[in-house]
Protein backbone atom coordinates (compact mmCIF):
# COMPACT_ATOMS: atom_id res chain seq x y z
CA MET A 1 -163.25 -120.69 -45.71
CA ARG A 2 -165.85 -118.83 -43.71
CA LEU A 3 -168.70 -121.03 -41.97
CA SER A 4 -172.65 -120.08 -41.26
CA ARG A 5 -173.69 -120.00 -38.14
CA SER A 6 -175.48 -123.33 -38.46
CA GLU A 7 -172.16 -125.04 -39.74
CA LYS A 8 -170.34 -123.73 -36.38
CA TRP A 9 -172.92 -125.14 -34.49
CA PHE A 10 -172.55 -128.37 -35.88
CA TYR A 11 -168.82 -128.64 -35.49
CA VAL A 12 -169.24 -127.73 -31.89
CA ILE A 13 -171.91 -130.67 -31.18
CA ASN A 14 -169.69 -132.71 -33.15
CA ASN A 15 -166.53 -131.95 -31.40
CA THR A 16 -168.48 -132.18 -28.08
CA LEU A 17 -170.17 -135.45 -28.50
CA LEU A 18 -166.87 -136.91 -30.10
CA PHE A 19 -164.71 -135.65 -27.03
CA ILE A 20 -167.51 -137.22 -24.66
CA ALA A 21 -167.08 -140.89 -26.25
CA GLY A 22 -163.35 -140.63 -26.33
CA MET A 23 -163.23 -139.91 -22.78
CA SER A 24 -165.78 -142.69 -22.06
CA CYS A 25 -163.41 -145.01 -23.85
CA LEU A 26 -160.02 -143.54 -22.44
CA ILE A 27 -161.34 -143.07 -18.60
CA PRO A 28 -161.81 -146.98 -17.96
CA LEU A 29 -158.58 -147.61 -19.68
CA LEU A 30 -156.35 -145.22 -17.46
CA ASN A 31 -158.44 -146.66 -14.38
CA LEU A 32 -157.47 -150.14 -15.19
CA ALA A 33 -153.92 -149.10 -15.63
CA ALA A 34 -153.92 -146.92 -12.74
CA ILE A 35 -155.50 -150.02 -10.63
CA SER A 36 -152.86 -152.41 -11.90
CA LEU A 37 -149.86 -149.82 -10.89
CA SER A 38 -150.98 -148.98 -7.36
CA GLU A 39 -150.12 -149.59 -4.01
CA TYR A 40 -152.57 -152.00 -2.15
CA GLU A 41 -153.61 -149.87 0.65
CA ALA A 42 -154.94 -147.39 -2.17
CA VAL A 43 -156.54 -149.94 -4.15
CA ALA A 44 -158.11 -151.61 -0.90
CA ALA A 45 -159.24 -148.19 -0.05
CA GLY A 46 -160.94 -147.24 -3.64
CA ARG A 47 -158.89 -144.27 -3.62
CA VAL A 48 -157.60 -144.92 -7.13
CA GLY A 49 -158.99 -142.57 -10.15
CA ILE A 50 -157.07 -142.41 -13.25
CA TRP A 51 -153.27 -141.97 -12.02
CA PRO A 52 -151.83 -144.64 -9.87
CA VAL A 53 -151.44 -143.91 -6.02
CA GLY A 54 -147.80 -144.61 -4.91
CA PHE A 55 -146.48 -147.19 -7.54
CA SER A 56 -145.92 -150.79 -7.65
CA LEU A 57 -145.33 -153.42 -10.17
CA GLU A 58 -146.39 -156.18 -7.67
CA SER A 59 -149.47 -157.28 -9.52
CA TYR A 60 -147.62 -157.68 -12.58
CA LYS A 61 -144.95 -159.94 -11.04
CA MET A 62 -147.26 -161.62 -9.24
CA LEU A 63 -149.24 -162.12 -12.17
CA ILE A 64 -146.14 -163.45 -13.97
CA ASP A 65 -145.31 -166.20 -11.56
CA GLY A 66 -148.53 -167.46 -10.01
CA THR A 67 -150.63 -167.68 -13.33
CA PRO A 68 -150.09 -169.37 -16.97
CA ILE A 69 -150.29 -165.78 -18.38
CA MET A 70 -146.92 -166.23 -20.29
CA ARG A 71 -148.29 -169.45 -21.75
CA THR A 72 -151.29 -167.93 -22.69
CA PHE A 73 -149.86 -164.96 -24.22
CA ARG A 74 -147.69 -167.07 -26.38
CA ASN A 75 -151.01 -169.26 -27.40
CA SER A 76 -152.71 -166.07 -28.46
CA LEU A 77 -149.47 -164.82 -30.39
CA VAL A 78 -149.85 -168.24 -32.40
CA ILE A 79 -153.30 -168.06 -32.70
CA THR A 80 -153.50 -164.34 -34.19
CA GLY A 81 -150.43 -164.64 -35.93
CA PHE A 82 -151.21 -167.73 -37.97
CA GLY A 83 -155.02 -167.21 -38.25
CA VAL A 84 -153.98 -163.74 -39.45
CA LEU A 85 -151.41 -165.18 -42.05
CA PHE A 86 -154.07 -167.91 -43.22
CA SER A 87 -156.98 -165.44 -43.43
CA MET A 88 -155.14 -162.58 -45.33
CA LEU A 89 -154.07 -165.30 -48.05
CA PHE A 90 -156.97 -166.96 -48.75
CA THR A 91 -158.95 -163.54 -48.79
CA VAL A 92 -156.49 -162.21 -51.37
CA LEU A 93 -156.81 -165.45 -53.45
CA ALA A 94 -160.80 -164.95 -53.18
CA ALA A 95 -160.86 -161.48 -53.72
CA TYR A 96 -158.57 -161.04 -56.82
CA PRO A 97 -160.42 -163.58 -59.19
CA LEU A 98 -163.67 -162.25 -58.33
CA SER A 99 -162.30 -158.77 -59.18
CA LYS A 100 -161.79 -159.62 -62.88
CA GLY A 101 -164.55 -159.01 -65.14
CA TYR A 102 -163.04 -161.82 -67.47
CA PHE A 103 -163.64 -164.60 -64.26
CA TYR A 104 -166.57 -166.47 -66.03
CA ALA A 105 -168.42 -167.23 -62.51
CA ARG A 106 -167.48 -164.36 -60.90
CA ARG A 107 -171.23 -163.17 -60.36
CA PHE A 108 -172.20 -166.77 -58.85
CA PHE A 109 -169.31 -166.84 -56.72
CA THR A 110 -169.90 -163.14 -55.20
CA LEU A 111 -173.81 -163.84 -54.79
CA GLY A 112 -172.90 -167.05 -52.91
CA ILE A 113 -170.46 -165.13 -50.64
CA VAL A 114 -172.71 -162.47 -50.17
CA PHE A 115 -175.69 -165.14 -49.11
CA THR A 116 -173.55 -166.31 -46.42
CA MET A 117 -173.38 -162.91 -44.92
CA LEU A 118 -177.12 -163.30 -44.01
CA PHE A 119 -176.33 -166.35 -41.58
CA GLY A 120 -172.74 -165.61 -39.89
CA ILE A 121 -170.93 -168.27 -38.35
CA GLN A 122 -172.94 -170.32 -35.43
CA ALA A 123 -170.78 -171.63 -32.65
CA ILE A 124 -172.51 -175.10 -32.14
CA PRO A 125 -172.67 -175.81 -35.95
CA ALA A 126 -169.41 -174.59 -36.27
CA PHE A 127 -168.28 -177.20 -33.00
CA LEU A 128 -170.07 -180.34 -34.95
CA VAL A 129 -168.31 -179.41 -38.05
CA ASN A 130 -165.13 -179.18 -36.33
CA ARG A 131 -165.61 -182.61 -34.71
CA ALA A 132 -166.67 -184.33 -37.82
CA LEU A 133 -163.44 -183.38 -39.18
CA GLY A 134 -161.58 -184.60 -35.82
CA ILE A 135 -159.78 -180.84 -35.30
CA VAL A 136 -161.17 -180.38 -31.93
CA ASP A 137 -158.89 -179.50 -29.26
CA THR A 138 -156.83 -178.10 -32.03
CA TYR A 139 -155.76 -174.53 -33.05
CA TRP A 140 -157.43 -175.45 -36.89
CA ALA A 141 -160.91 -175.47 -35.07
CA LEU A 142 -160.24 -171.61 -34.62
CA TRP A 143 -158.78 -171.33 -38.13
CA LEU A 144 -160.79 -173.11 -40.41
CA PRO A 145 -164.73 -171.77 -39.66
CA GLY A 146 -163.67 -167.76 -40.03
CA LEU A 147 -160.84 -168.12 -42.28
CA VAL A 148 -162.67 -165.87 -44.85
CA SER A 149 -164.68 -162.97 -43.86
CA ALA A 150 -167.19 -162.03 -46.13
CA TYR A 151 -167.42 -158.49 -45.29
CA ASN A 152 -163.63 -158.31 -45.94
CA MET A 153 -163.24 -160.10 -48.83
CA LEU A 154 -165.98 -158.14 -50.51
CA VAL A 155 -164.03 -154.81 -49.46
CA LEU A 156 -160.65 -156.35 -51.00
CA LYS A 157 -162.49 -157.28 -53.99
CA SER A 158 -163.88 -153.61 -54.60
CA PHE A 159 -160.47 -152.09 -53.97
CA PHE A 160 -158.76 -154.33 -56.46
CA GLU A 161 -161.34 -153.39 -59.26
CA GLN A 162 -160.50 -149.43 -58.66
CA ILE A 163 -156.78 -150.53 -59.87
CA PRO A 164 -156.56 -148.92 -63.47
CA GLU A 165 -157.40 -152.03 -66.25
CA GLU A 166 -154.27 -150.29 -68.35
CA MET A 167 -151.95 -150.91 -66.00
CA ASN A 168 -152.78 -154.76 -65.71
CA GLU A 169 -152.80 -154.93 -69.41
CA ALA A 170 -149.05 -153.37 -69.55
CA ALA A 171 -147.86 -156.00 -67.35
CA GLN A 172 -149.56 -158.70 -69.58
CA ILE A 173 -147.91 -157.20 -72.42
CA ASP A 174 -144.85 -157.30 -70.89
CA GLY A 175 -144.87 -161.16 -70.19
CA SER A 176 -146.38 -160.94 -66.62
CA SER A 177 -148.27 -163.86 -65.58
CA GLU A 178 -151.40 -163.51 -63.41
CA TRP A 179 -149.09 -165.01 -60.15
CA ARG A 180 -146.72 -162.24 -60.95
CA LEU A 181 -149.25 -159.46 -61.72
CA LEU A 182 -150.81 -160.36 -58.04
CA TRP A 183 -147.96 -160.48 -56.11
CA GLN A 184 -145.73 -157.55 -57.54
CA ILE A 185 -148.20 -155.02 -58.84
CA VAL A 186 -151.51 -155.48 -57.22
CA LEU A 187 -150.62 -156.41 -53.76
CA PRO A 188 -147.90 -153.26 -53.42
CA LEU A 189 -150.48 -150.96 -54.68
CA SER A 190 -153.34 -152.16 -52.14
CA LEU A 191 -151.44 -151.53 -49.01
CA PRO A 192 -153.98 -149.87 -47.02
CA VAL A 193 -156.67 -152.17 -47.45
CA LEU A 194 -154.37 -154.69 -46.70
CA ALA A 195 -153.40 -153.55 -43.41
CA THR A 196 -156.48 -152.53 -42.73
CA LEU A 197 -157.89 -155.97 -43.24
CA THR A 198 -154.99 -157.55 -41.04
CA LEU A 199 -155.99 -155.30 -38.28
CA PHE A 200 -159.61 -156.62 -38.31
CA TYR A 201 -158.52 -159.95 -38.32
CA GLY A 202 -155.65 -159.55 -35.53
CA VAL A 203 -158.30 -158.23 -33.21
CA GLY A 204 -160.55 -160.72 -34.02
CA TYR A 205 -158.20 -163.67 -33.38
CA TRP A 206 -156.67 -161.90 -30.58
CA ASN A 207 -160.25 -161.58 -28.57
CA SER A 208 -161.33 -164.91 -29.45
CA PHE A 209 -162.97 -166.12 -26.57
CA GLN A 210 -166.43 -168.41 -27.21
CA SER A 211 -164.84 -170.17 -30.00
CA VAL A 212 -161.84 -171.49 -27.64
CA LEU A 213 -164.13 -172.40 -25.06
CA ILE A 214 -166.13 -174.30 -27.30
CA ASN A 215 -163.53 -175.91 -29.36
CA ILE A 216 -160.55 -176.06 -27.10
CA HIS A 217 -160.60 -178.34 -24.11
CA ASP A 218 -157.11 -178.65 -22.82
CA SER A 219 -156.25 -176.14 -20.88
CA SER A 220 -152.75 -175.46 -21.79
CA LYS A 221 -153.89 -174.13 -25.22
CA PHE A 222 -156.23 -171.63 -23.59
CA ASN A 223 -155.57 -167.79 -24.85
CA LEU A 224 -155.00 -164.91 -23.02
CA ALA A 225 -159.09 -163.68 -23.62
CA VAL A 226 -160.10 -167.10 -21.76
CA LEU A 227 -157.55 -166.45 -18.79
CA VAL A 228 -158.57 -162.95 -18.24
CA GLN A 229 -162.45 -163.88 -18.24
CA ASN A 230 -161.65 -166.40 -15.42
CA MET A 231 -159.55 -163.61 -13.52
CA VAL A 232 -162.52 -161.52 -13.68
CA ALA A 233 -165.32 -164.52 -13.11
CA ASN A 234 -163.73 -165.94 -9.87
CA GLN A 235 -161.23 -166.01 -7.16
CA SER A 236 -159.33 -169.16 -8.25
CA LEU A 237 -156.68 -166.45 -9.68
CA LEU A 238 -155.95 -164.82 -6.20
CA GLN A 239 -156.13 -168.28 -4.50
CA SER A 240 -153.34 -169.62 -6.68
CA LEU A 241 -151.13 -166.32 -5.77
CA ASN A 242 -151.96 -167.36 -2.25
CA ASN A 243 -150.60 -170.68 -2.63
CA VAL A 244 -147.25 -169.16 -4.23
CA GLN A 245 -146.75 -166.93 -1.64
CA PRO A 246 -148.84 -167.10 1.17
CA GLN A 247 -147.83 -164.63 3.63
CA GLU A 248 -147.49 -161.44 1.57
CA ALA A 249 -150.12 -162.23 -1.31
CA ASP A 250 -152.95 -161.09 0.62
CA GLN A 251 -150.94 -158.35 1.94
CA MET A 252 -149.65 -156.77 -0.99
CA LEU A 253 -152.31 -157.41 -3.81
CA THR A 254 -156.02 -157.18 -4.20
CA PRO A 255 -158.33 -159.03 -6.91
CA GLU A 256 -158.78 -155.70 -8.45
CA SER A 257 -155.10 -154.85 -9.20
CA ILE A 258 -154.27 -158.63 -10.04
CA ARG A 259 -157.49 -158.52 -12.63
CA SER A 260 -156.77 -154.82 -14.17
CA ALA A 261 -153.07 -156.26 -14.80
CA GLY A 262 -154.15 -159.01 -16.73
CA ILE A 263 -156.83 -156.71 -18.61
CA MET A 264 -153.79 -154.32 -19.36
CA VAL A 265 -151.78 -157.17 -20.77
CA MET A 266 -154.34 -158.26 -23.15
CA LEU A 267 -154.67 -154.51 -24.56
CA VAL A 268 -151.38 -153.30 -24.57
CA PRO A 269 -150.33 -155.66 -27.71
CA LEU A 270 -153.48 -153.97 -29.64
CA LEU A 271 -152.35 -150.69 -28.24
CA VAL A 272 -148.80 -150.70 -29.33
CA VAL A 273 -149.87 -152.16 -33.00
CA TYR A 274 -152.85 -149.93 -33.68
CA PRO A 275 -151.03 -146.68 -34.23
CA PHE A 276 -148.87 -148.18 -37.16
CA LEU A 277 -151.63 -149.21 -39.03
CA GLN A 278 -153.89 -146.38 -38.15
CA LYS A 279 -152.80 -144.58 -40.88
CA TYR A 280 -153.63 -147.03 -43.25
CA PHE A 281 -157.25 -147.69 -41.69
CA VAL A 282 -159.51 -144.68 -42.96
CA LYS A 283 -158.03 -144.46 -46.43
CA GLY A 284 -158.03 -148.59 -46.75
CA VAL A 285 -161.74 -148.93 -45.22
CA LEU A 286 -163.16 -145.86 -47.52
CA ILE A 287 -161.64 -146.76 -51.21
CA GLY A 288 -162.57 -150.40 -50.42
CA ALA A 289 -166.02 -150.08 -49.63
CA VAL A 290 -166.71 -147.81 -52.44
CA LYS A 291 -167.47 -149.21 -55.51
CA GLY A 292 -166.52 -147.45 -58.54
């Protein structure tokens, strides 16, 4: 297809802007990775760009030996894993009946859920509710307030509504119950949007920071986001490393390399998971967001 001059200019400008936006995200990430892998002298002199100068894994080694990063990593896995499981389960159970035209209270509940999107979840009211329920300082205080995202539920509901009703009727004629219809027919056909919502929930739980600070008081239950914030905000991490190896830490590590290593540890799991879900991402969002 031959493009007009205005279309060519549009694609040139569009691709240029996308390239600049991509580089603005990629370059800081490469700089963090390079600092975390570079030798002490290069980091201290500020000579590290997007490639490591020298190569050293000392910052990661000291991060593992001198900080509770492995424990916080495990806590983040627990928070994210169970959080995504609970959220997806209840999102599906909420979206499925609301996608059925024969559900008599469908309009009432849908409007009620849309109404909650006007306010969102505020941290202090959520904390007061959690305290009244007696779940403060437990991970239930993180899972319950954000159990179902109204936006995600509406996306999934729209996706379910686009599945041909004839397919459901054929299954029901063959004796299929609603549960069997949901788990064996509807959910397998909804894999793109389920993968997309799993990514949404997973990123939210993995990066949860404010809710952890407010609701979790036992430091042994903190997640990676809180630990990394402490590393960025103060010097306590480097001091703890000095206590571990007082003769070597000051000579071989800088606060920047430790902080960069911590941020990379937090980012890498998401960077590893994202490519496996990316192929479903655009299809899941677009199909689920368009109401038929």
